[in-house]
């Protein structure tokens, strides 16, 4: 960095006695003190004109002069050069005038007669004050430059704050003006744009490549919005932008958002999903429009991206009763346990089709939770049939998707279909073994005859095996005893019947129990609930 030679301070001398002016201007070695004489004058009027021209740092002036005295000149100088240091030269008889000059803003005074040493000392005092003020001004300029440089960051931080918190109108107005936010302070709409499939596309890319993509996308968004309205875009997360724009019509905002989607798709290798909020009147309501945009963005759960979802399309529609069928879930799990891939896939599709027929669509989180619950139930069914080491990879697939940011409905359905296919394949492989086939036949017979007493002897005879061999084989293949399996299947059938609304007495008879009380005891031992308690738990009624 090059060394900068400090600027000499300028001084002007004004007195109606030429010898005094010459002595002060010429005798001291002002250059040695970093000072140069910028000019001299013999009266106040001439002096004021000279000062206006050269704008000195320090002025030495007599208080009594023709045309314009020192007081009047002091007042005039400080009006256009308030930083100028004025030193009054005053005789003792003029002391009251000197005091008046000090009150007007003069820095100091020197009484006549004076020595050159006194003059030099008071000028050096003025110089020290000038240099201190100059240093402070330089610091202020540096600070202002830093603030100006950081304004974009400060704007983003403030706007981010406004998205999450409400503020007072007075506070918002002053901060808005200070930060120079280029928007009107009324009538706003917020939209949130999210880069589709960001993790999959850019997870392995270098940071510089990702930053370049984000920069390009922000430029496209800014250009699109600038051509239609006043707006400001800022990044909220690695894959997300927030736009605050002036406007009163959600329809127009939706058109602008659609244009943003179109231009991003056309001019880059990415697509975006956008959620738009409603119009709000004031700055302190921005958090409301932001929350609405976030809710709308969540509905891209139902899409594959590159689309706009407006809060206005969901806010005015009455909420439907969530249409999730427990009976359909039971049917799905039964088909899964049976290894019937086609049937389980068919019931699974039916479950989601019923949810997607609702208008408006259910809250995305509700449907997402149903998907994960079904996934974990698939894992639990597989754990009933296979060791944990075999089932663990299925659970890992579920957890991987659950830990992903904003998975789509299609991704959840693909996961469930894959789990079903894998589980049914395992079951089919098991059934290909001879012993497994025998027990499978036994299980099928049991399930088809749950209305009878179903003794070990009866089933063993049906598959042409001795009771002892059949009992051991059943326990080895199924992992539970014959009687435990029969009881389990009857209780599962009983649960379905209870869900369908049948009475306990009817169910007991239907499942081969002579006495209702005995059936209820077996049911409670199996489920830790009485039939009535189970019915209330699942259906919410007795």
Protein backbone atom coordinates (compact mmCIF):
# COMPACT_ATOMS: atom_id res chain seq x y z
CA UNK A 1 0.00 0.00 0.00
CA UNK A 2 1.45 3.40 -1.04
CA UNK A 3 2.28 5.91 1.70
CA UNK A 4 -0.07 8.89 1.60
CA UNK A 5 1.54 12.27 2.42
CA UNK A 6 -0.72 14.09 4.90
CA UNK A 7 -2.33 17.26 3.57
CA UNK A 8 -1.00 20.55 5.00
CA UNK A 9 -3.54 22.44 7.07
CA UNK A 10 -4.47 25.85 5.63
CA UNK A 11 -4.50 29.04 7.66
CA UNK A 12 -5.74 32.57 6.79
CA UNK A 13 -4.69 35.76 8.62
CA UNK A 14 -6.93 38.87 8.69
CA UNK A 15 -6.07 42.15 10.44
CA UNK A 16 -6.39 45.81 9.49
CA UNK A 17 -2.69 46.39 10.43
CA UNK A 18 -0.45 45.13 7.63
CA UNK A 19 2.61 44.71 9.86
CA UNK A 20 0.65 42.36 12.14
CA UNK A 21 -0.53 40.34 9.16
CA UNK A 22 3.00 40.11 7.71
CA UNK A 23 4.53 39.13 11.05
CA UNK A 24 2.04 36.28 11.67
CA UNK A 25 2.06 35.06 8.06
CA UNK A 26 5.84 35.15 7.41
CA UNK A 27 7.90 34.90 10.58
CA UNK A 28 6.92 31.47 12.01
CA UNK A 29 8.09 28.38 10.06
CA UNK A 30 4.55 27.16 9.40
CA UNK A 31 5.70 24.47 6.94
CA UNK A 32 7.64 22.81 9.76
CA UNK A 33 4.35 22.49 11.67
CA UNK A 34 2.48 21.06 8.70
CA UNK A 35 0.66 24.32 8.02
CA UNK A 36 0.54 26.59 4.97
CA UNK A 37 -0.68 30.19 4.76
CA UNK A 38 -3.52 30.13 2.25
CA UNK A 39 -4.13 33.90 2.22
CA UNK A 40 -4.18 37.23 4.08
CA UNK A 41 -6.58 40.20 4.13
CA UNK A 42 -6.78 43.71 5.72
CA UNK A 43 -10.54 43.90 6.39
CA UNK A 44 -13.43 41.57 7.21
CA UNK A 45 -15.22 41.86 3.90
CA UNK A 46 -12.12 41.00 1.86
CA UNK A 47 -11.25 38.27 4.37
CA UNK A 48 -14.67 36.62 4.12
CA UNK A 49 -14.44 36.56 0.32
CA UNK A 50 -10.96 34.99 0.51
CA UNK A 51 -12.11 32.36 3.04
CA UNK A 52 -15.03 31.38 0.82
CA UNK A 53 -12.53 30.75 -1.96
CA UNK A 54 -9.81 28.77 -0.17
CA UNK A 55 -11.82 27.17 2.69
CA UNK A 56 -9.01 27.20 5.30
CA UNK A 57 -8.88 24.96 8.37
CA UNK A 58 -7.83 27.80 10.70
CA UNK A 59 -8.59 31.56 10.64
CA UNK A 60 -6.69 34.17 12.70
CA UNK A 61 -8.69 37.42 12.71
CA UNK A 62 -8.72 40.78 14.48
CA UNK A 63 -12.01 41.59 16.15
CA UNK A 64 -12.11 45.29 15.16
CA UNK A 65 -11.76 45.91 11.43
CA UNK A 66 -13.31 48.20 8.82
CA UNK A 67 -16.25 47.16 6.60
CA UNK A 68 -16.94 43.95 8.59
CA UNK A 69 -15.77 43.28 12.12
CA UNK A 70 -14.57 39.95 13.52
CA UNK A 71 -17.91 39.10 15.14
CA UNK A 72 -19.92 39.47 11.96
CA UNK A 73 -17.28 37.59 9.98
CA UNK A 74 -17.20 34.74 12.56
CA UNK A 75 -20.94 34.36 12.29
CA UNK A 76 -20.75 34.31 8.47
CA UNK A 77 -17.82 31.83 8.29
CA UNK A 78 -19.44 29.29 10.62
CA UNK A 79 -22.58 29.25 8.52
CA UNK A 80 -20.79 27.78 5.46
CA UNK A 81 -17.69 26.27 7.16
CA UNK A 82 -18.74 25.03 10.63
CA UNK A 83 -15.55 22.94 11.01
CA UNK A 84 -13.27 26.00 10.60
CA UNK A 85 -11.30 26.91 13.75
CA UNK A 86 -11.48 30.67 14.33
CA UNK A 87 -8.97 32.39 16.65
CA UNK A 88 -9.81 35.98 17.69
CA UNK A 89 -7.07 38.63 18.13
CA UNK A 90 -8.37 41.06 20.71
CA UNK A 91 -7.13 43.98 22.82
CA UNK A 92 -8.02 44.01 26.53
CA UNK A 93 -10.62 46.72 25.98
CA UNK A 94 -12.32 44.47 23.41
CA UNK A 95 -12.48 41.45 25.76
CA UNK A 96 -16.29 41.43 25.90
CA UNK A 97 -16.34 41.22 22.09
CA UNK A 98 -13.97 38.25 22.21
CA UNK A 99 -16.25 36.48 24.68
CA UNK A 100 -19.17 37.09 22.37
CA UNK A 101 -17.17 35.58 19.49
CA UNK A 102 -16.49 32.48 21.60
CA UNK A 103 -20.22 32.15 22.21
CA UNK A 104 -20.79 32.39 18.46
CA UNK A 105 -18.44 29.44 17.90
CA UNK A 106 -14.89 30.83 17.73
CA UNK A 107 -12.36 28.36 19.10
CA UNK A 108 -10.11 30.69 21.17
CA UNK A 109 -8.78 34.21 21.47
CA UNK A 110 -5.35 35.85 21.98
CA UNK A 111 -5.02 39.21 23.76
CA UNK A 112 -3.00 42.00 22.26
CA UNK A 113 -0.16 42.65 22.52
CA UNK A 114 0.91 39.05 21.87
CA UNK A 115 4.14 37.24 21.11
CA UNK A 116 4.76 34.98 18.13
CA UNK A 117 5.14 32.07 20.53
CA UNK A 118 1.57 32.66 21.76
CA UNK A 119 0.33 32.75 18.18
CA UNK A 120 2.15 29.52 17.25
CA UNK A 121 0.89 27.73 20.39
CA UNK A 122 -2.76 28.63 19.84
CA UNK A 123 -2.52 27.68 16.13
CA UNK A 124 -0.97 24.31 17.04
CA UNK A 125 -3.80 23.79 19.51
CA UNK A 126 -6.28 24.45 16.70
CA UNK A 127 -4.29 22.12 14.43
CA UNK A 128 -4.51 19.30 17.01
CA UNK A 129 -8.29 19.74 17.19
CA UNK A 130 -8.54 19.74 13.38
CA UNK A 131 -6.49 16.56 13.08
CA UNK A 132 -8.56 14.84 15.77
CA UNK A 133 -11.78 15.80 14.02
CA UNK A 134 -10.34 14.73 10.69
CA UNK A 135 -9.43 11.33 12.16
CA UNK A 136 -12.93 10.94 13.60
CA UNK A 137 -14.48 11.88 10.28
CA UNK A 138 -12.26 9.34 8.53
CA UNK A 139 -13.44 6.67 10.94
CA UNK A 140 -17.05 7.67 10.30
CA UNK A 141 -16.47 7.50 6.54
CA UNK A 142 -14.89 4.05 6.88
CA UNK A 143 -17.79 2.92 9.04
CA UNK A 144 -20.32 4.27 6.56
CA UNK A 145 -18.48 2.52 3.73
CA UNK A 146 -18.58 -0.77 5.67
CA UNK A 147 -22.27 -0.31 6.42
CA UNK A 148 -22.96 0.43 2.76
CA UNK A 149 -20.97 -2.64 1.76
CA UNK A 150 -22.90 -4.83 4.21
CA UNK A 151 -26.35 -3.40 3.42
CA UNK A 152 -27.40 -6.37 1.24
CA UNK A 153 -26.62 -8.75 4.11
CA UNK A 154 -28.35 -6.48 6.64
CA UNK A 155 -31.41 -6.27 4.38
CA UNK A 156 -31.54 -10.04 4.08
CA UNK A 157 -31.17 -10.52 7.84
CA UNK A 158 -33.92 -8.00 8.53
CA UNK A 159 -36.29 -9.47 5.96
CA UNK A 160 -35.59 -12.95 7.33
CA UNK A 161 -36.47 -11.61 10.79
CA UNK A 162 -39.74 -10.15 9.45
CA UNK A 163 -40.69 -13.55 7.99
CA UNK A 164 -40.61 -15.10 11.46
CA UNK A 165 -41.55 -12.26 13.81
CA UNK A 166 -43.99 -9.38 13.88
CA UNK A 167 -42.77 -5.84 14.59
CA UNK A 168 -44.26 -2.42 15.30
CA UNK A 169 -45.17 -0.10 12.46
CA UNK A 170 -42.84 2.66 13.72
CA UNK A 171 -39.87 0.30 14.09
CA UNK A 172 -40.50 -1.23 10.68
CA UNK A 173 -40.72 2.19 8.99
CA UNK A 174 -37.40 3.47 10.41
CA UNK A 175 -35.49 0.24 9.71
CA UNK A 176 -37.01 -0.02 6.22
CA UNK A 177 -35.79 3.48 5.32
CA UNK A 178 -32.38 3.03 6.97
CA UNK A 179 -31.69 -0.20 5.04
CA UNK A 180 -32.96 1.30 1.79
CA UNK A 181 -35.28 -1.60 1.00
CA UNK A 182 -36.53 -0.83 -2.54
CA UNK A 183 -40.22 -1.58 -1.89
CA UNK A 184 -43.27 0.44 -0.94
CA UNK A 185 -44.18 0.00 2.72
CA UNK A 186 -47.69 -1.30 2.07
CA UNK A 187 -49.46 -4.15 0.22
CA UNK A 188 -47.16 -7.16 0.10
CA UNK A 189 -47.31 -10.74 -1.11
CA UNK A 190 -44.69 -13.33 -0.14
CA UNK A 191 -43.81 -16.41 -2.14
CA UNK A 192 -41.28 -19.14 -1.37
CA UNK A 193 -39.40 -20.93 -4.18
CA UNK A 194 -37.70 -24.26 -3.55
CA UNK A 195 -35.28 -25.99 -5.93
CA UNK A 196 -36.73 -29.40 -6.85
CA UNK A 197 -34.73 -32.55 -5.99
CA UNK A 198 -31.83 -30.39 -4.80
CA UNK A 199 -30.07 -33.07 -2.73
CA UNK A 200 -30.17 -35.66 -5.52
CA UNK A 201 -28.94 -33.22 -8.20
CA UNK A 202 -26.26 -31.33 -6.29
CA UNK A 203 -25.38 -33.42 -3.22
CA UNK A 204 -22.07 -34.54 -4.75
CA UNK A 205 -21.25 -31.29 -6.58
CA UNK A 206 -18.41 -28.94 -5.48
CA UNK A 207 -19.43 -25.91 -3.43
CA UNK A 208 -18.40 -23.53 -6.23
CA UNK A 209 -20.69 -25.32 -8.70
CA UNK A 210 -23.62 -25.17 -6.27
CA UNK A 211 -23.04 -21.47 -5.59
CA UNK A 212 -22.95 -20.75 -9.32
CA UNK A 213 -26.28 -22.53 -9.83
CA UNK A 214 -27.87 -20.67 -6.92
CA UNK A 215 -26.56 -17.34 -8.24
CA UNK A 216 -27.97 -18.03 -11.71
CA UNK A 217 -31.37 -19.05 -10.35
CA UNK A 218 -31.58 -15.95 -8.16
CA UNK A 219 -30.76 -13.74 -11.17
CA UNK A 220 -33.52 -15.39 -13.23
CA UNK A 221 -36.03 -14.88 -10.40
CA UNK A 222 -34.99 -11.24 -9.93
CA UNK A 223 -35.22 -10.46 -13.66
CA UNK A 224 -38.63 -12.14 -13.94
CA UNK A 225 -40.07 -10.23 -10.99
CA UNK A 226 -38.45 -6.91 -11.96
CA UNK A 227 -40.18 -7.01 -15.34
CA UNK A 228 -43.59 -7.21 -13.66
CA UNK A 229 -43.50 -5.53 -10.25
CA UNK A 230 -41.27 -4.30 -7.42
CA UNK A 231 -39.82 -7.16 -5.43
CA UNK A 232 -36.80 -8.35 -3.50
CA UNK A 233 -35.39 -11.91 -3.48
CA UNK A 234 -33.20 -13.38 -0.75
CA UNK A 235 -31.92 -16.83 0.09
CA UNK A 236 -33.44 -18.53 3.10
CA UNK A 237 -31.79 -21.95 2.89
CA UNK A 238 -29.47 -23.89 0.61
CA UNK A 239 -32.31 -24.79 -1.73
CA UNK A 240 -34.85 -22.07 -0.98
CA UNK A 241 -35.54 -18.43 -1.89
CA UNK A 242 -38.06 -16.00 -0.45
CA UNK A 243 -39.59 -13.21 -2.53
CA UNK A 244 -41.34 -10.18 -1.05
CA UNK A 245 -43.14 -8.10 -3.66
CA UNK A 246 -45.63 -5.26 -3.75
CA UNK A 247 -49.10 -6.26 -4.86
CA UNK A 248 -52.73 -6.66 -3.83
CA UNK A 249 -54.01 -9.42 -6.11
CA UNK A 250 -53.13 -13.08 -5.32
CA UNK A 251 -54.05 -13.96 -8.92
CA UNK A 252 -51.40 -11.61 -10.29
CA UNK A 253 -48.88 -12.96 -7.78
CA UNK A 254 -49.67 -16.48 -8.95
CA UNK A 255 -49.07 -15.45 -12.59
CA UNK A 256 -45.69 -13.95 -11.64
CA UNK A 257 -44.81 -17.16 -9.78
CA UNK A 258 -45.83 -19.23 -12.83
CA UNK A 259 -43.54 -17.05 -14.98
CA UNK A 260 -40.70 -17.70 -12.52
CA UNK A 261 -41.24 -21.48 -12.83
CA UNK A 262 -41.32 -21.23 -16.63
CA UNK A 263 -38.14 -19.12 -16.88
CA UNK A 264 -36.18 -21.27 -14.41
CA UNK A 265 -37.10 -24.39 -16.41
CA UNK A 266 -36.31 -22.67 -19.72
CA UNK A 267 -32.99 -21.01 -18.87
CA UNK A 268 -31.43 -23.47 -16.41
CA UNK A 269 -31.08 -27.19 -15.74
CA UNK A 270 -33.35 -26.91 -12.70
CA UNK A 271 -37.03 -26.63 -11.83
CA UNK A 272 -38.60 -24.99 -8.79
CA UNK A 273 -41.74 -25.38 -6.72
CA UNK A 274 -43.42 -22.21 -5.44
CA UNK A 275 -45.92 -21.54 -2.65
CA UNK A 276 -47.62 -18.12 -2.56
CA UNK A 277 -49.28 -16.39 0.40
CA UNK A 278 -52.14 -13.89 0.50
CA UNK A 279 -51.78 -10.10 0.32
CA UNK A 280 -51.06 -8.27 3.57
CA UNK A 281 -51.32 -4.51 4.06
CA UNK A 282 -48.40 -3.68 6.35
CA UNK A 283 -44.81 -4.65 7.07
CA UNK A 284 -45.61 -6.16 10.46
CA UNK A 285 -48.01 -8.62 8.76
CA UNK A 286 -45.33 -10.08 6.47
CA UNK A 287 -44.94 -13.07 8.80
CA UNK A 288 -48.58 -14.02 8.06
CA UNK A 289 -48.06 -14.06 4.29
CA UNK A 290 -44.81 -16.01 4.76
CA UNK A 291 -46.55 -18.66 6.90
CA UNK A 292 -49.27 -18.99 4.25
CA UNK A 293 -46.66 -19.39 1.48
CA UNK A 294 -44.95 -22.09 3.55
CA UNK A 295 -48.25 -23.95 3.98
CA UNK A 296 -48.90 -23.72 0.23
CA UNK A 297 -45.38 -24.95 -0.56
CA UNK A 298 -46.01 -28.07 1.53
CA UNK A 299 -48.71 -29.14 -0.98
CA UNK A 300 -46.00 -29.86 -3.55
CA UNK A 301 -45.91 -33.15 -1.67
CA UNK A 302 -48.60 -34.12 -4.20
CA UNK A 303 -46.66 -32.94 -7.28
CA UNK A 304 -43.30 -33.70 -8.84
CA UNK A 305 -42.30 -30.03 -8.71
CA UNK A 306 -42.12 -27.28 -11.36
CA UNK A 307 -45.48 -25.89 -10.26
CA UNK A 308 -47.14 -23.14 -8.22
CA UNK A 309 -49.44 -23.78 -5.26
CA UNK A 310 -51.37 -20.79 -3.91
CA UNK A 311 -52.65 -20.50 -0.37
CA UNK A 312 -55.81 -18.96 -1.79
CA UNK A 313 -56.62 -22.31 -3.46
CA UNK A 314 -56.84 -24.11 -0.09
CA UNK A 315 -57.79 -21.48 2.48
CA UNK A 316 -61.41 -20.90 1.38
CA UNK A 317 -62.35 -24.57 0.91
CA UNK A 318 -64.01 -26.47 3.79
CA UNK A 319 -61.88 -29.24 5.25
CA UNK A 320 -63.06 -32.74 4.45
CA UNK A 321 -63.23 -35.45 7.10
CA UNK A 322 -60.07 -37.51 6.74
CA UNK A 323 -61.08 -40.58 4.76
CA UNK A 324 -58.67 -43.24 5.98
CA UNK A 325 -60.11 -46.76 6.27
CA UNK A 326 -58.82 -48.96 9.10
CA UNK A 327 -60.64 -51.88 7.49
CA UNK A 328 -58.71 -51.32 4.25
CA UNK A 329 -55.48 -51.28 6.24
CA UNK A 330 -56.39 -54.62 7.84
CA UNK A 331 -57.19 -56.04 4.41
CA UNK A 332 -53.84 -54.80 3.11
CA UNK A 333 -51.88 -56.40 5.96
CA UNK A 334 -53.80 -59.67 5.57
CA UNK A 335 -52.93 -59.77 1.85
CA UNK A 336 -49.31 -59.01 2.77
CA UNK A 337 -49.16 -61.82 5.33
CA UNK A 338 -50.57 -64.11 2.67
CA UNK A 339 -47.79 -63.12 0.30
CA UNK A 340 -50.39 -61.96 -2.24
CA UNK A 341 -48.48 -59.25 -4.03
CA UNK A 342 -51.20 -58.29 -6.51
CA UNK A 343 -53.86 -58.01 -3.82
CA UNK A 344 -51.66 -56.01 -1.42
CA UNK A 345 -50.67 -53.59 -4.20
CA UNK A 346 -54.32 -53.23 -5.21
CA UNK A 347 -55.48 -52.42 -1.66
CA UNK A 348 -52.54 -50.04 -1.17
CA UNK A 349 -53.51 -48.13 -4.31
CA UNK A 350 -57.12 -48.02 -3.11
CA UNK A 351 -56.07 -46.49 0.23
CA UNK A 352 -54.23 -43.61 -1.46
CA UNK A 353 -56.80 -43.14 -4.22
CA UNK A 354 -59.47 -42.52 -1.58
CA UNK A 355 -57.26 -39.90 0.11
CA UNK A 356 -56.50 -38.17 -3.21
CA UNK A 357 -60.20 -37.91 -4.09
CA UNK A 358 -60.79 -35.49 -1.21
CA UNK A 359 -61.28 -31.80 -2.04
CA UNK A 360 -59.33 -30.00 -0.76
CA UNK A 361 -56.53 -32.51 -0.47
CA UNK A 362 -55.66 -33.55 3.08
CA UNK A 363 -52.81 -31.82 4.90
CA UNK A 364 -49.60 -33.27 3.39
CA UNK A 365 -48.25 -34.16 6.84
CA UNK A 366 -51.34 -36.30 7.51
CA UNK A 367 -50.86 -38.35 4.34
CA UNK A 368 -47.10 -38.55 4.92
CA UNK A 369 -47.71 -39.95 8.41
CA UNK A 370 -50.10 -42.58 7.01
CA UNK A 371 -47.41 -43.62 4.53
CA UNK A 372 -44.76 -44.06 7.22
CA UNK A 373 -47.17 -45.86 9.53
CA UNK A 374 -47.97 -48.35 6.77
CA UNK A 375 -44.25 -48.77 6.08
CA UNK A 376 -43.51 -49.62 9.70
CA UNK A 377 -46.47 -52.00 9.84
CA UNK A 378 -45.07 -53.80 6.79
CA UNK A 379 -41.78 -54.16 8.68
CA UNK A 380 -43.60 -55.51 11.76
CA UNK A 381 -45.46 -58.09 9.65
CA UNK A 382 -42.17 -59.20 8.14
CA UNK A 383 -40.66 -59.47 11.64
CA UNK A 384 -43.44 -61.90 12.54
CA UNK A 385 -42.27 -64.15 9.71
CA UNK A 386 -38.53 -63.56 9.36
CA UNK A 387 -35.50 -62.82 11.56
CA UNK A 388 -34.57 -59.18 12.28
CA UNK A 389 -31.33 -59.41 10.26
CA UNK A 390 -33.39 -60.06 7.14
CA UNK A 391 -35.94 -57.32 7.85
CA UNK A 392 -33.47 -54.62 8.95
CA UNK A 393 -32.70 -53.36 5.39
CA UNK A 394 -36.43 -52.66 4.91
CA UNK A 395 -36.47 -50.52 8.07
CA UNK A 396 -33.36 -48.70 6.87
CA UNK A 397 -35.13 -47.78 3.61
CA UNK A 398 -38.03 -46.32 5.59
CA UNK A 399 -35.75 -44.33 7.90
CA UNK A 400 -33.68 -43.02 4.98
CA UNK A 401 -36.75 -41.57 3.28
CA UNK A 402 -38.17 -40.25 6.55
CA UNK A 403 -34.94 -38.35 7.23
CA UNK A 404 -34.99 -36.76 3.77
CA UNK A 405 -36.16 -33.18 3.36
CA UNK A 406 -39.73 -32.98 2.00
CA UNK A 407 -40.19 -36.36 0.28
CA UNK A 408 -43.04 -36.42 -2.24
CA UNK A 409 -46.15 -38.59 -2.17
CA UNK A 410 -44.82 -40.49 -5.18
CA UNK A 411 -41.58 -41.31 -3.34
CA UNK A 412 -43.55 -42.63 -0.34
CA UNK A 413 -45.82 -44.75 -2.56
CA UNK A 414 -42.79 -46.11 -4.43
CA UNK A 415 -41.23 -47.04 -1.07
CA UNK A 416 -44.41 -48.87 0.07
CA UNK A 417 -44.73 -50.71 -3.24
CA UNK A 418 -41.10 -51.79 -3.01
CA UNK A 419 -41.53 -53.01 0.57
CA UNK A 420 -44.63 -54.98 -0.44
CA UNK A 421 -42.90 -56.55 -3.40
CA UNK A 422 -39.87 -57.53 -1.33
CA UNK A 423 -41.96 -58.91 1.54
CA UNK A 424 -44.20 -60.94 -0.76
CA UNK A 425 -41.14 -62.30 -2.57
CA UNK A 426 -39.70 -63.51 0.73
CA UNK A 427 -42.97 -65.18 1.63
CA UNK A 428 -43.13 -66.87 -1.76
CA UNK A 429 -39.58 -68.16 -1.31
CA UNK A 430 -40.50 -69.57 2.08
CA UNK A 431 -43.49 -71.32 0.64
CA UNK A 432 -41.37 -73.00 -1.98
CA UNK A 433 -39.87 -75.20 0.73
CA UNK A 434 -41.74 -78.47 1.30
CA UNK A 435 -42.18 -78.15 5.01
CA UNK A 436 -43.26 -74.56 4.59
CA UNK A 437 -45.80 -75.62 2.00
CA UNK A 438 -47.25 -78.20 4.39
CA UNK A 439 -47.64 -75.67 7.17
CA UNK A 440 -48.99 -73.13 4.69
CA UNK A 441 -51.70 -75.64 3.76
CA UNK A 442 -52.40 -76.15 7.43
CA UNK A 443 -52.63 -72.40 8.00
CA UNK A 444 -54.92 -72.00 5.01
CA UNK A 445 -57.18 -74.74 6.34
CA UNK A 446 -57.20 -73.12 9.79
CA UNK A 447 -58.06 -69.67 8.34
CA UNK A 448 -60.86 -71.18 6.28
CA UNK A 449 -62.34 -72.99 9.30
CA UNK A 450 -62.11 -70.45 12.07
CA UNK A 451 -65.80 -70.98 12.75
CA UNK A 452 -65.07 -74.50 14.11
CA UNK A 453 -63.29 -75.68 17.27
CA UNK A 454 -60.16 -76.60 15.20
CA UNK A 455 -58.33 -79.30 17.17
CA UNK A 456 -54.77 -80.41 16.51
CA UNK A 457 -56.05 -83.88 15.60
CA UNK A 458 -58.53 -82.46 13.08
CA UNK A 459 -55.92 -80.38 11.18
CA UNK A 460 -53.19 -83.07 11.30
CA UNK A 461 -55.62 -85.56 9.80
CA UNK A 462 -56.52 -83.04 7.07
CA UNK A 463 -52.88 -82.89 5.87
CA UNK A 464 -52.13 -86.56 6.47
CA UNK A 465 -49.61 -86.19 9.31
CA UNK A 466 -49.49 -87.62 12.79
CA UNK A 467 -50.43 -85.26 15.61
CA UNK A 468 -46.96 -85.32 17.19
CA UNK A 469 -45.05 -84.75 13.95
CA UNK A 470 -47.46 -82.06 12.79
CA UNK A 471 -47.27 -80.27 16.16
CA UNK A 472 -43.45 -80.18 16.09
CA UNK A 473 -43.28 -79.19 12.41
CA UNK A 474 -45.81 -76.42 12.91
CA UNK A 475 -43.85 -74.97 15.85
CA UNK A 476 -40.57 -75.19 13.90
CA UNK A 477 -41.84 -73.50 10.72
CA UNK A 478 -44.34 -71.03 12.17
CA UNK A 479 -42.35 -70.13 15.30
CA UNK A 480 -45.41 -70.55 17.52
CA UNK A 481 -47.50 -73.52 18.63
CA UNK A 482 -50.55 -74.75 16.75
CA UNK A 483 -52.92 -73.55 19.46
CA UNK A 484 -51.25 -70.12 19.68
CA UNK A 485 -51.66 -69.69 15.91
CA UNK A 486 -55.31 -70.73 15.98
CA UNK A 487 -56.01 -68.33 18.83
CA UNK A 488 -54.09 -65.51 17.08
CA UNK A 489 -56.00 -65.95 13.82
CA UNK A 490 -59.34 -66.14 15.60
CA UNK A 491 -58.55 -62.99 17.53
CA UNK A 492 -57.46 -61.15 14.37
CA UNK A 493 -60.71 -62.27 12.72
CA UNK A 494 -62.57 -61.11 15.83
CA UNK A 495 -60.97 -57.67 15.55
CA UNK A 496 -62.12 -57.33 11.93
CA UNK A 497 -65.64 -58.38 12.92
CA UNK A 498 -65.69 -55.85 15.76
CA UNK A 499 -64.54 -53.13 13.35
CA UNK A 500 -67.33 -54.17 10.97
CA UNK A 501 -69.86 -53.64 13.79
CA UNK A 502 -70.80 -57.21 14.74
CA UNK A 503 -71.91 -57.95 18.30
CA UNK A 504 -69.66 -59.88 20.69
CA UNK A 505 -72.17 -62.77 21.01
CA UNK A 506 -72.33 -63.13 17.22
CA UNK A 507 -68.55 -63.15 16.92
CA UNK A 508 -68.13 -65.78 19.63
CA UNK A 509 -70.54 -68.10 17.85
CA UNK A 510 -69.02 -67.35 14.44
CA UNK A 511 -65.55 -68.32 15.72
CA UNK A 512 -66.61 -71.58 17.33
CA UNK A 513 -66.81 -70.46 20.98
CA UNK A 514 -69.80 -71.85 22.84
CA UNK A 515 -69.74 -69.23 25.57
CA UNK A 516 -69.40 -65.47 25.14
CA UNK A 517 -67.60 -65.12 28.50
CA UNK A 518 -64.89 -67.61 27.51
CA UNK A 519 -64.40 -65.83 24.16
CA UNK A 520 -64.05 -62.48 25.98
CA UNK A 521 -61.47 -63.95 28.37
CA UNK A 522 -59.40 -65.32 25.46
CA UNK A 523 -59.71 -61.99 23.60
CA UNK A 524 -58.53 -59.99 26.63
CA UNK A 525 -55.63 -62.38 27.26
CA UNK A 526 -54.57 -61.95 23.62
CA UNK A 527 -55.02 -58.17 23.28
CA UNK A 528 -54.99 -56.79 26.86
CA UNK A 529 -58.42 -55.32 26.07
CA UNK A 530 -61.98 -56.59 26.29
CA UNK A 531 -63.87 -56.71 22.97
CA UNK A 532 -65.80 -53.57 23.97
CA UNK A 533 -62.61 -51.71 24.90
CA UNK A 534 -61.03 -52.68 21.56
CA UNK A 535 -64.08 -51.47 19.67
CA UNK A 536 -64.02 -48.11 21.47
CA UNK A 537 -60.26 -47.80 20.88
CA UNK A 538 -60.57 -48.26 17.12
CA UNK A 539 -63.98 -46.85 16.32
CA UNK A 540 -64.48 -44.36 19.15
CA UNK A 541 -67.80 -45.84 20.14
CA UNK A 542 -69.21 -48.78 22.05
